[in-house]
Amino acid sequence: MKATFIAGLGLVLASGFLAWNYAPVQKYREKESQQFTTSAPSAPSVRPAAATAKDNTRIQVALLLDTSNSMDGLIDQAKSRLWNIINTLTTLKYQGKTPVIEIALYEYGNDGLSPRENFIRQVVPLTTDLDLISEKLFALRTNGGEEFCGAVIKSAVNALEWGHNEADMKLIYIAGNEPFNQGRVNYATAVGEAVDKQIYVNTIFCGNKREGITTKWKEGADRGRGKYFNIDSDRKVDFIETPYDNQIEAYNTKVNDTYIGYGSYGLAKKQNQVLQDANAKSVSKANSVERYVSKSKTVYKNESWDLVDLSKQDPAVLKKISKNQLPKELQDKTDAEIRKIVEEKSKERETIQKEMAVLARKRQQYIDEAIRKSPKGADDLGTAISKSIVEFAATKGYTAEK
């Protein structure tokens, strides 16, 4: 598996800042992908950024991935690093609080896409649904193409619901390997529109650093006030297994059992949660553990389909929700019985998450030490990217916690 380009990409993303958003009961239908892999029925639960509370600081990241024929390694790396990126982003705090994290996903350069749309597609708008991002990422397939960077950047800038809070961090990460200036849409104009909205454009070139410079990828980042990276697409992603992985995996099974799906799509979303566990594990066990760890974080919320998370958001919802919106096993229960079950599941989840968090810290310490002792040392690019995250966050008043 060419899991290289995105190992860097994962770190790059980690250097990017993801932001989340949520709207409890309302559901928005998403345009279904024309390309599916093994995936559970998708619930139309994409929550637009506009639904986020105004006082929530947001970290928003739009991922624009080249899905032309030559980019299999890029997609593999994205799958390999998604949860590592998310866990890195969760270390960022603003005035002591965890920001909302929202992620959007675009693909471009695929001959299976419409020429009238410049061979680009918004796969997922800015959303807090991490399982949905994972599902759609694993469904991407390479084919063709014509890669128009300017067009996909312009679409992301204008079509996504970007935040307006001065403290919001808004980033675009575009990855590919063809000249940056292809297509009818001028990349400089598109990047300029991003800068006008205080969106930072970061470019990731899959190939030689010098080639990325001569083909305008560095200029794109410079104009976008972002960072330019180049990735070796033949480098394999290194995963470090730890003595804590099996314990974390066992806790993940337990935490999954605390979710109570409600509404028309509750069951499908609960099934998809397990499916995305399997997708992560198909890359490597260590990668799946990164996903499991994310479930111990406050950013992993599923109010749109999980009754436990929803009741935390709105304690009165248990009195208002109709019986036919509940899973069958709860429909014949009294209100008091339902409240007791939800409270018990909530407490159980909190206990499990605390245990997972302790193990996650020990796991990360083990990984950090293994990297330090490695003959080749830490990935220079990864180190540079991680450092750039902290530096950029600091300019916006964010702090990074271990």
Protein backbone atom coordinates (compact mmCIF):
# COMPACT_ATOMS: atom_id res chain seq x y z
CA MET A 1 0.00 0.00 0.00
CA LYS A 2 1.38 3.35 -0.95
CA ALA A 3 0.54 4.78 2.40
CA THR A 4 3.08 7.50 2.11
CA PHE A 5 1.82 10.64 0.67
CA ILE A 6 -0.72 10.93 3.38
CA ALA A 7 1.37 10.02 6.26
CA GLY A 8 2.80 13.36 5.48
CA LEU A 9 -0.64 14.51 4.58
CA GLY A 10 -1.93 13.23 7.86
CA LEU A 11 0.66 15.22 9.65
CA VAL A 12 -0.02 18.11 7.38
CA LEU A 13 -3.61 17.84 8.27
CA ALA A 14 -2.72 17.56 11.79
CA SER A 15 -1.03 20.80 11.11
CA GLY A 16 -4.27 21.83 9.69
CA PHE A 17 -7.02 22.59 12.02
CA LEU A 18 -10.25 20.77 11.96
CA ALA A 19 -13.40 22.15 13.31
CA TRP A 20 -16.65 20.63 14.34
CA ASN A 21 -20.22 21.64 14.38
CA TYR A 22 -23.51 20.18 15.35
CA ALA A 23 -27.29 20.54 15.14
CA PRO A 24 -29.15 18.09 17.40
CA VAL A 25 -32.30 16.79 15.78
CA GLN A 26 -32.39 18.50 12.44
CA LYS A 27 -31.13 16.39 9.55
CA TYR A 28 -29.80 17.56 6.23
CA ARG A 29 -29.77 15.30 3.22
CA GLU A 30 -26.39 14.96 1.60
CA LYS A 31 -25.81 14.19 -2.03
CA GLU A 32 -24.84 10.54 -2.08
CA SER A 33 -21.52 9.61 -3.57
CA GLN A 34 -21.53 7.88 -6.92
CA GLN A 35 -18.64 5.76 -5.68
CA PHE A 36 -19.20 3.47 -2.71
CA THR A 37 -17.03 0.94 -0.99
CA THR A 38 -18.24 -1.16 1.89
CA SER A 39 -20.27 1.32 3.86
CA ALA A 40 -23.34 1.33 6.01
CA PRO A 41 -26.44 3.16 4.81
CA SER A 42 -25.63 6.82 5.14
CA ALA A 43 -27.82 8.92 7.34
CA PRO A 44 -28.39 12.42 5.96
CA SER A 45 -26.87 14.03 9.01
CA VAL A 46 -24.43 16.53 7.57
CA ARG A 47 -24.65 19.58 9.75
CA PRO A 48 -23.80 22.89 8.08
CA ALA A 49 -21.44 25.22 9.87
CA ALA A 50 -24.16 27.82 10.25
CA ALA A 51 -25.86 25.63 12.84
CA THR A 52 -23.00 25.98 15.31
CA ALA A 53 -23.53 28.24 18.31
CA LYS A 54 -22.10 31.67 17.67
CA ASP A 55 -20.00 31.65 20.82
CA ASN A 56 -18.17 28.46 19.83
CA THR A 57 -14.68 29.01 18.49
CA ARG A 58 -14.16 26.80 15.47
CA ILE A 59 -11.26 25.10 13.77
CA GLN A 60 -12.32 24.43 10.20
CA VAL A 61 -10.38 22.40 7.66
CA ALA A 62 -11.29 21.68 4.05
CA LEU A 63 -9.45 18.74 2.54
CA LEU A 64 -9.13 18.91 -1.24
CA LEU A 65 -7.75 15.62 -2.56
CA ASP A 66 -6.64 14.80 -6.08
CA THR A 67 -8.33 11.51 -7.07
CA SER A 68 -6.77 11.11 -10.50
CA ASN A 69 -5.14 7.78 -11.37
CA SER A 70 -1.73 8.60 -9.92
CA MET A 71 -3.04 9.44 -6.46
CA ASP A 72 -3.75 6.05 -4.89
CA GLY A 73 -0.91 6.62 -2.45
CA LEU A 74 -2.38 9.96 -1.41
CA ILE A 75 -5.76 8.43 -0.64
CA ASP A 76 -4.15 5.54 1.24
CA GLN A 77 -2.22 7.96 3.39
CA ALA A 78 -5.33 10.00 4.11
CA LYS A 79 -7.01 6.85 5.38
CA SER A 80 -3.91 6.08 7.42
CA ARG A 81 -3.67 9.46 9.11
CA LEU A 82 -7.21 10.76 9.52
CA TRP A 83 -7.58 9.79 13.18
CA ASN A 84 -4.04 10.79 14.04
CA ILE A 85 -4.81 14.20 12.62
CA ILE A 86 -8.02 14.49 14.59
CA ASN A 87 -6.30 13.50 17.82
CA THR A 88 -3.60 16.09 17.19
CA LEU A 89 -6.20 18.80 16.64
CA THR A 90 -7.94 17.94 19.89
CA THR A 91 -4.87 19.10 21.80
CA LEU A 92 -5.64 22.69 20.79
CA LYS A 93 -7.51 24.88 23.25
CA TYR A 94 -8.83 28.41 23.05
CA GLN A 95 -9.13 30.25 26.37
CA GLY A 96 -9.08 26.87 28.08
CA LYS A 97 -11.92 25.41 26.01
CA THR A 98 -11.91 22.79 23.26
CA PRO A 99 -12.95 24.38 19.95
CA VAL A 100 -15.61 22.94 17.70
CA ILE A 101 -13.97 20.91 14.93
CA GLU A 102 -15.38 20.85 11.41
CA ILE A 103 -14.01 18.99 8.42
CA ALA A 104 -14.98 19.17 4.76
CA LEU A 105 -13.90 16.82 1.99
CA TYR A 106 -13.55 17.54 -1.73
CA GLU A 107 -12.22 15.44 -4.56
CA TYR A 108 -10.94 16.79 -7.86
CA GLY A 109 -9.16 15.60 -11.00
CA ASN A 110 -11.29 12.48 -11.45
CA ASP A 111 -12.63 11.67 -14.94
CA GLY A 112 -15.70 10.19 -13.29
CA LEU A 113 -16.73 13.70 -12.26
CA SER A 114 -18.62 16.21 -14.39
CA PRO A 115 -16.57 18.28 -16.89
CA ARG A 116 -19.15 21.05 -16.43
CA GLU A 117 -18.15 21.15 -12.76
CA ASN A 118 -14.45 21.27 -13.64
CA PHE A 119 -14.03 17.66 -12.48
CA ILE A 120 -14.58 18.60 -8.83
CA ARG A 121 -17.06 17.34 -6.21
CA GLN A 122 -17.94 18.38 -2.71
CA VAL A 123 -17.99 15.00 -0.98
CA VAL A 124 -18.92 16.30 2.47
CA PRO A 125 -19.53 19.93 3.56
CA LEU A 126 -18.07 21.24 6.81
CA THR A 127 -19.36 18.84 9.43
CA THR A 128 -18.71 17.51 12.90
CA ASP A 129 -19.63 13.99 11.84
CA LEU A 130 -16.21 12.31 11.91
CA ASP A 131 -17.64 8.90 11.08
CA LEU A 132 -19.16 10.37 7.93
CA ILE A 133 -15.80 11.86 6.90
CA SER A 134 -14.19 8.45 7.41
CA GLU A 135 -16.93 6.68 5.45
CA LYS A 136 -16.65 8.97 2.45
CA LEU A 137 -12.85 9.00 2.54
CA PHE A 138 -12.76 5.21 2.34
CA ALA A 139 -15.24 5.35 -0.55
CA LEU A 140 -13.00 7.53 -2.75
CA ARG A 141 -11.68 5.90 -5.93
CA THR A 142 -9.07 7.23 -8.34
CA ASN A 143 -9.81 7.60 -12.04
CA GLY A 144 -8.52 9.73 -14.85
CA GLY A 145 -7.87 13.00 -14.80
CA GLU A 146 -7.88 16.68 -15.26
CA GLU A 147 -6.66 18.49 -12.14
CA PHE A 148 -7.88 22.08 -11.76
CA CYS A 149 -6.59 23.46 -8.46
CA GLY A 150 -7.99 26.94 -8.95
CA ALA A 151 -11.50 25.60 -9.54
CA VAL A 152 -11.61 23.37 -6.47
CA ILE A 153 -10.18 26.09 -4.21
CA LYS A 154 -12.74 28.60 -5.47
CA SER A 155 -15.55 26.11 -4.85
CA ALA A 156 -14.38 25.40 -1.30
CA VAL A 157 -14.04 29.10 -0.51
CA ASN A 158 -17.49 30.03 -1.78
CA ALA A 159 -19.61 26.93 -1.15
CA LEU A 160 -18.62 26.06 2.42
CA GLU A 161 -20.08 27.72 5.53
CA TRP A 162 -16.96 29.35 6.97
CA GLY A 163 -17.00 30.92 10.41
CA HIS A 164 -16.92 34.66 11.05
CA ASN A 165 -15.43 34.70 14.54
CA GLU A 166 -12.06 36.44 14.63
CA ALA A 167 -10.65 33.55 16.67
CA ASP A 168 -11.79 30.86 14.21
CA MET A 169 -9.01 29.00 12.41
CA LYS A 170 -9.93 28.36 8.78
CA LEU A 171 -7.67 26.28 6.60
CA ILE A 172 -7.66 24.66 3.19
CA TYR A 173 -5.31 21.78 2.43
CA ILE A 174 -5.03 20.90 -1.23
CA ALA A 175 -2.98 17.88 -2.30
CA GLY A 176 -1.97 16.72 -5.77
CA ASN A 177 0.84 16.28 -8.27
CA GLU A 178 -0.02 18.22 -11.43
CA PRO A 179 0.76 21.89 -12.22
CA PHE A 180 -1.13 24.21 -9.88
CA ASN A 181 -2.16 26.58 -12.67
CA GLN A 182 -4.21 24.19 -14.83
CA GLY A 183 -7.81 24.95 -15.77
CA ARG A 184 -9.92 27.99 -16.61
CA VAL A 185 -10.18 29.31 -13.05
CA ASN A 186 -7.13 31.38 -12.17
CA TYR A 187 -5.54 29.93 -9.04
CA ALA A 188 -4.25 33.33 -7.92
CA THR A 189 -7.77 34.75 -8.00
CA ALA A 190 -9.19 31.76 -6.12
CA VAL A 191 -6.49 31.94 -3.47
CA GLY A 192 -7.03 35.68 -3.18
CA GLU A 193 -10.70 35.10 -2.40
CA ALA A 194 -9.65 32.71 0.37
CA VAL A 195 -7.30 35.26 1.89
CA ASP A 196 -10.07 37.87 1.81
CA LYS A 197 -12.09 35.54 4.07
CA GLN A 198 -9.08 34.88 6.31
CA ILE A 199 -8.84 31.30 5.05
CA TYR A 200 -5.28 30.02 4.87
CA VAL A 201 -4.40 27.90 1.84
CA ASN A 202 -1.82 25.17 2.39
CA THR A 203 -0.48 23.13 -0.53
CA ILE A 204 0.85 19.58 -0.51
CA PHE A 205 2.75 18.52 -3.61
CA CYS A 206 3.20 14.81 -4.22
CA GLY A 207 6.70 14.70 -5.61
CA ASN A 208 10.03 16.48 -5.72
CA LYS A 209 10.24 19.73 -3.77
CA ARG A 210 11.79 21.62 -6.68
CA GLU A 211 9.12 20.39 -9.09
CA GLY A 212 6.43 21.57 -6.71
CA ILE A 213 8.03 25.01 -6.74
CA THR A 214 8.32 25.21 -10.53
CA THR A 215 4.71 24.03 -10.99
CA LYS A 216 3.36 26.84 -8.77
CA TRP A 217 2.42 24.82 -5.66
CA LYS A 218 4.68 26.87 -3.43
CA GLU A 219 3.42 30.08 -4.98
CA GLY A 220 -0.12 28.96 -4.23
CA ALA A 221 0.75 28.53 -0.56
CA ASP A 222 2.67 31.82 -0.46
CA ARG A 223 -0.28 33.69 -1.94
CA GLY A 224 -2.60 31.87 0.46
CA ARG A 225 -0.47 32.78 3.52
CA GLY A 226 -0.17 29.07 4.19
CA LYS A 227 2.53 26.41 4.17
CA TYR A 228 3.99 24.50 1.23
CA PHE A 229 4.81 20.83 1.72
CA ASN A 230 6.12 18.15 -0.58
CA ILE A 231 5.57 14.48 0.14
CA ASP A 232 7.38 11.36 -1.06
CA SER A 233 4.49 9.27 -2.34
CA ASP A 234 6.58 6.10 -2.22
CA ARG A 235 7.32 6.32 1.46
CA LYS A 236 5.37 3.88 3.58
CA VAL A 237 3.54 5.07 6.66
CA ASP A 238 5.25 3.84 9.81
CA PHE A 239 2.97 2.60 12.57
CA ILE A 240 4.19 1.92 16.10
CA GLU A 241 2.26 -0.66 18.08
CA THR A 242 2.26 -0.28 21.86
CA PRO A 243 1.52 -2.44 24.93
CA TYR A 244 -1.65 -0.39 25.47
CA ASP A 245 -3.33 -1.06 22.13
CA ASN A 246 -5.23 -4.20 23.15
CA GLN A 247 -6.65 -2.52 26.25
CA ILE A 248 -7.78 0.50 24.26
CA GLU A 249 -9.39 -1.79 21.68
CA ALA A 250 -11.31 -3.60 24.43
CA TYR A 251 -12.55 -0.28 25.82
CA ASN A 252 -13.65 0.73 22.33
CA THR A 253 -15.99 -2.26 22.18
CA LYS A 254 -17.45 -1.24 25.52
CA VAL A 255 -17.87 2.42 24.58
CA ASN A 256 -19.69 1.45 21.37
CA ASP A 257 -22.26 -0.35 23.51
CA THR A 258 -23.15 2.92 25.28
CA TYR A 259 -24.62 4.48 22.13
CA ILE A 260 -28.41 4.52 21.75
CA GLY A 261 -29.50 5.30 18.21
CA TYR A 262 -32.69 7.33 17.79
CA GLY A 263 -34.67 8.61 14.85
CA SER A 264 -34.94 7.29 11.31
CA TYR A 265 -31.19 6.91 10.91
CA GLY A 266 -30.11 5.97 14.41
CA LEU A 267 -29.60 2.29 13.63
CA ALA A 268 -27.75 2.98 10.36
CA LYS A 269 -25.43 5.48 12.03
CA LYS A 270 -24.71 3.09 14.89
CA GLN A 271 -23.84 0.41 12.33
CA ASN A 272 -21.66 2.90 10.48
CA GLN A 273 -19.75 3.63 13.68
CA VAL A 274 -18.70 -0.03 13.84
CA LEU A 275 -17.98 -0.10 10.11
CA GLN A 276 -15.59 2.85 10.39
CA ASP A 277 -13.81 0.97 13.19
CA ALA A 278 -13.32 -1.84 10.68
CA ASN A 279 -12.18 0.55 7.94
CA ALA A 280 -9.55 2.02 10.25
CA LYS A 281 -8.38 -1.46 11.24
CA SER A 282 -8.09 -2.50 7.59
CA VAL A 283 -5.18 -0.05 7.35
CA SER A 284 -3.43 -1.28 10.49
CA LYS A 285 -4.18 -2.08 14.11
CA ALA A 286 -2.27 1.01 15.26
CA ASN A 287 -4.38 3.16 12.94
CA SER A 288 -7.60 1.73 14.39
CA VAL A 289 -6.36 2.50 17.90
CA GLU A 290 -5.95 6.15 16.84
CA ARG A 291 -9.65 6.10 15.95
CA TYR A 292 -10.60 4.45 19.22
CA VAL A 293 -8.67 7.10 21.13
CA SER A 294 -10.69 9.82 19.38
CA LYS A 295 -13.83 8.43 21.02
CA SER A 296 -12.45 9.44 24.39
CA LYS A 297 -12.30 13.08 23.25
CA THR A 298 -15.01 15.69 23.66
CA VAL A 299 -15.01 16.40 19.92
CA TYR A 300 -16.40 12.95 19.15
CA LYS A 301 -20.07 13.83 19.53
CA ASN A 302 -23.08 12.31 17.79
CA GLU A 303 -26.09 14.27 19.00
CA SER A 304 -27.80 13.86 15.64
CA TRP A 305 -28.36 10.13 16.21
CA ASP A 306 -27.21 9.16 19.73
CA LEU A 307 -29.69 9.70 22.56
CA VAL A 308 -26.95 9.87 25.19
CA ASP A 309 -25.13 12.74 23.50
CA LEU A 310 -28.41 14.46 22.67
CA SER A 311 -29.58 14.34 26.29
CA LYS A 312 -26.34 16.01 27.37
CA GLN A 313 -27.00 18.78 24.88
CA ASP A 314 -30.65 19.10 25.90
CA PRO A 315 -31.65 17.26 29.13
CA ALA A 316 -35.32 18.02 28.46
CA VAL A 317 -35.29 16.11 25.17
CA LEU A 318 -36.19 12.84 26.89
CA LYS A 319 -39.55 14.37 27.80
CA LYS A 320 -40.15 15.67 24.30
CA ILE A 321 -39.01 12.88 22.01
CA SER A 322 -41.78 10.67 20.63
CA LYS A 323 -41.74 6.94 21.32
CA ASN A 324 -41.53 6.04 17.64
CA GLN A 325 -38.21 7.90 17.46
CA LEU A 326 -36.71 5.56 20.04
CA PRO A 327 -35.13 2.16 19.37
CA LYS A 328 -37.57 -0.74 19.71
CA GLU A 329 -36.11 -1.89 23.01
CA LEU A 330 -37.05 1.45 24.62
CA GLN A 331 -40.46 2.05 23.08
CA ASP A 332 -42.35 0.12 25.75
CA LYS A 333 -40.46 1.77 28.63
CA THR A 334 -41.83 4.51 30.86
CA ASP A 335 -40.27 7.98 30.77
CA ALA A 336 -38.59 7.29 34.10
CA GLU A 337 -37.15 4.00 32.85
CA ILE A 338 -35.83 5.63 29.69
CA ARG A 339 -34.23 8.44 31.67
CA LYS A 340 -32.56 5.91 33.99
CA ILE A 341 -31.18 3.86 31.08
CA VAL A 342 -29.80 6.95 29.33
CA GLU A 343 -28.22 8.22 32.55
CA GLU A 344 -26.61 4.83 33.19
CA LYS A 345 -25.20 4.68 29.67
CA SER A 346 -23.90 8.23 30.04
CA LYS A 347 -22.09 7.45 33.28
CA GLU A 348 -20.73 4.22 31.85
CA ARG A 349 -19.37 6.08 28.82
CA GLU A 350 -17.72 8.76 30.93
CA THR A 351 -15.98 6.09 33.02
CA ILE A 352 -14.75 4.26 29.93
CA GLN A 353 -13.57 7.48 28.28
CA LYS A 354 -11.54 8.41 31.35
CA GLU A 355 -9.84 5.01 31.31
CA MET A 356 -9.18 5.32 27.58
CA ALA A 357 -7.71 8.79 28.05
CA VAL A 358 -5.24 7.50 30.65
CA LEU A 359 -4.16 4.68 28.34
CA ALA A 360 -3.98 7.06 25.39
CA ARG A 361 -1.50 9.29 27.24
CA LYS A 362 0.66 6.30 28.13
CA ARG A 363 0.44 5.11 24.53
CA GLN A 364 1.54 8.46 23.16
CA GLN A 365 4.47 8.59 25.59
CA TYR A 366 5.52 5.14 24.39
CA ILE A 367 5.32 6.25 20.74
CA ASP A 368 7.24 9.47 21.41
CA GLU A 369 9.99 7.50 23.14
CA ALA A 370 10.15 4.95 20.32
CA ILE A 371 10.52 7.74 17.78
CA ARG A 372 13.24 9.37 19.85
CA LYS A 373 15.20 6.11 20.02
CA SER A 374 14.73 5.28 16.35
CA PRO A 375 18.00 5.31 14.35
CA LYS A 376 16.41 7.46 11.68
CA GLY A 377 14.77 9.71 14.26
CA ALA A 378 11.45 11.43 13.88
CA ASP A 379 10.15 12.38 10.47
CA ASP A 380 11.63 15.80 9.74
CA LEU A 381 8.57 16.84 7.77
CA GLY A 382 6.26 15.63 10.52
CA THR A 383 8.26 17.49 13.12
CA ALA A 384 8.20 20.65 11.04
CA ILE A 385 4.46 20.38 10.47
CA SER A 386 3.68 19.70 14.11
CA LYS A 387 5.77 22.71 15.07
CA SER A 388 3.97 24.84 12.49
CA ILE A 389 0.60 23.86 13.98
CA VAL A 390 1.57 25.13 17.39
CA GLU A 391 3.11 28.28 15.91
CA PHE A 392 0.04 29.07 13.83
CA ALA A 393 -2.32 28.30 16.69
CA ALA A 394 -0.33 30.61 18.94
CA THR A 395 -0.91 33.51 16.54
CA LYS A 396 -4.65 32.99 16.98
CA GLY A 397 -4.46 32.71 20.76
CA TYR A 398 -4.65 28.91 20.93
CA THR A 399 -2.57 26.70 23.18
CA ALA A 400 -1.56 23.07 22.70
CA GLU A 401 -1.99 20.63 25.55
CA LYS A 402 -0.14 17.33 25.90
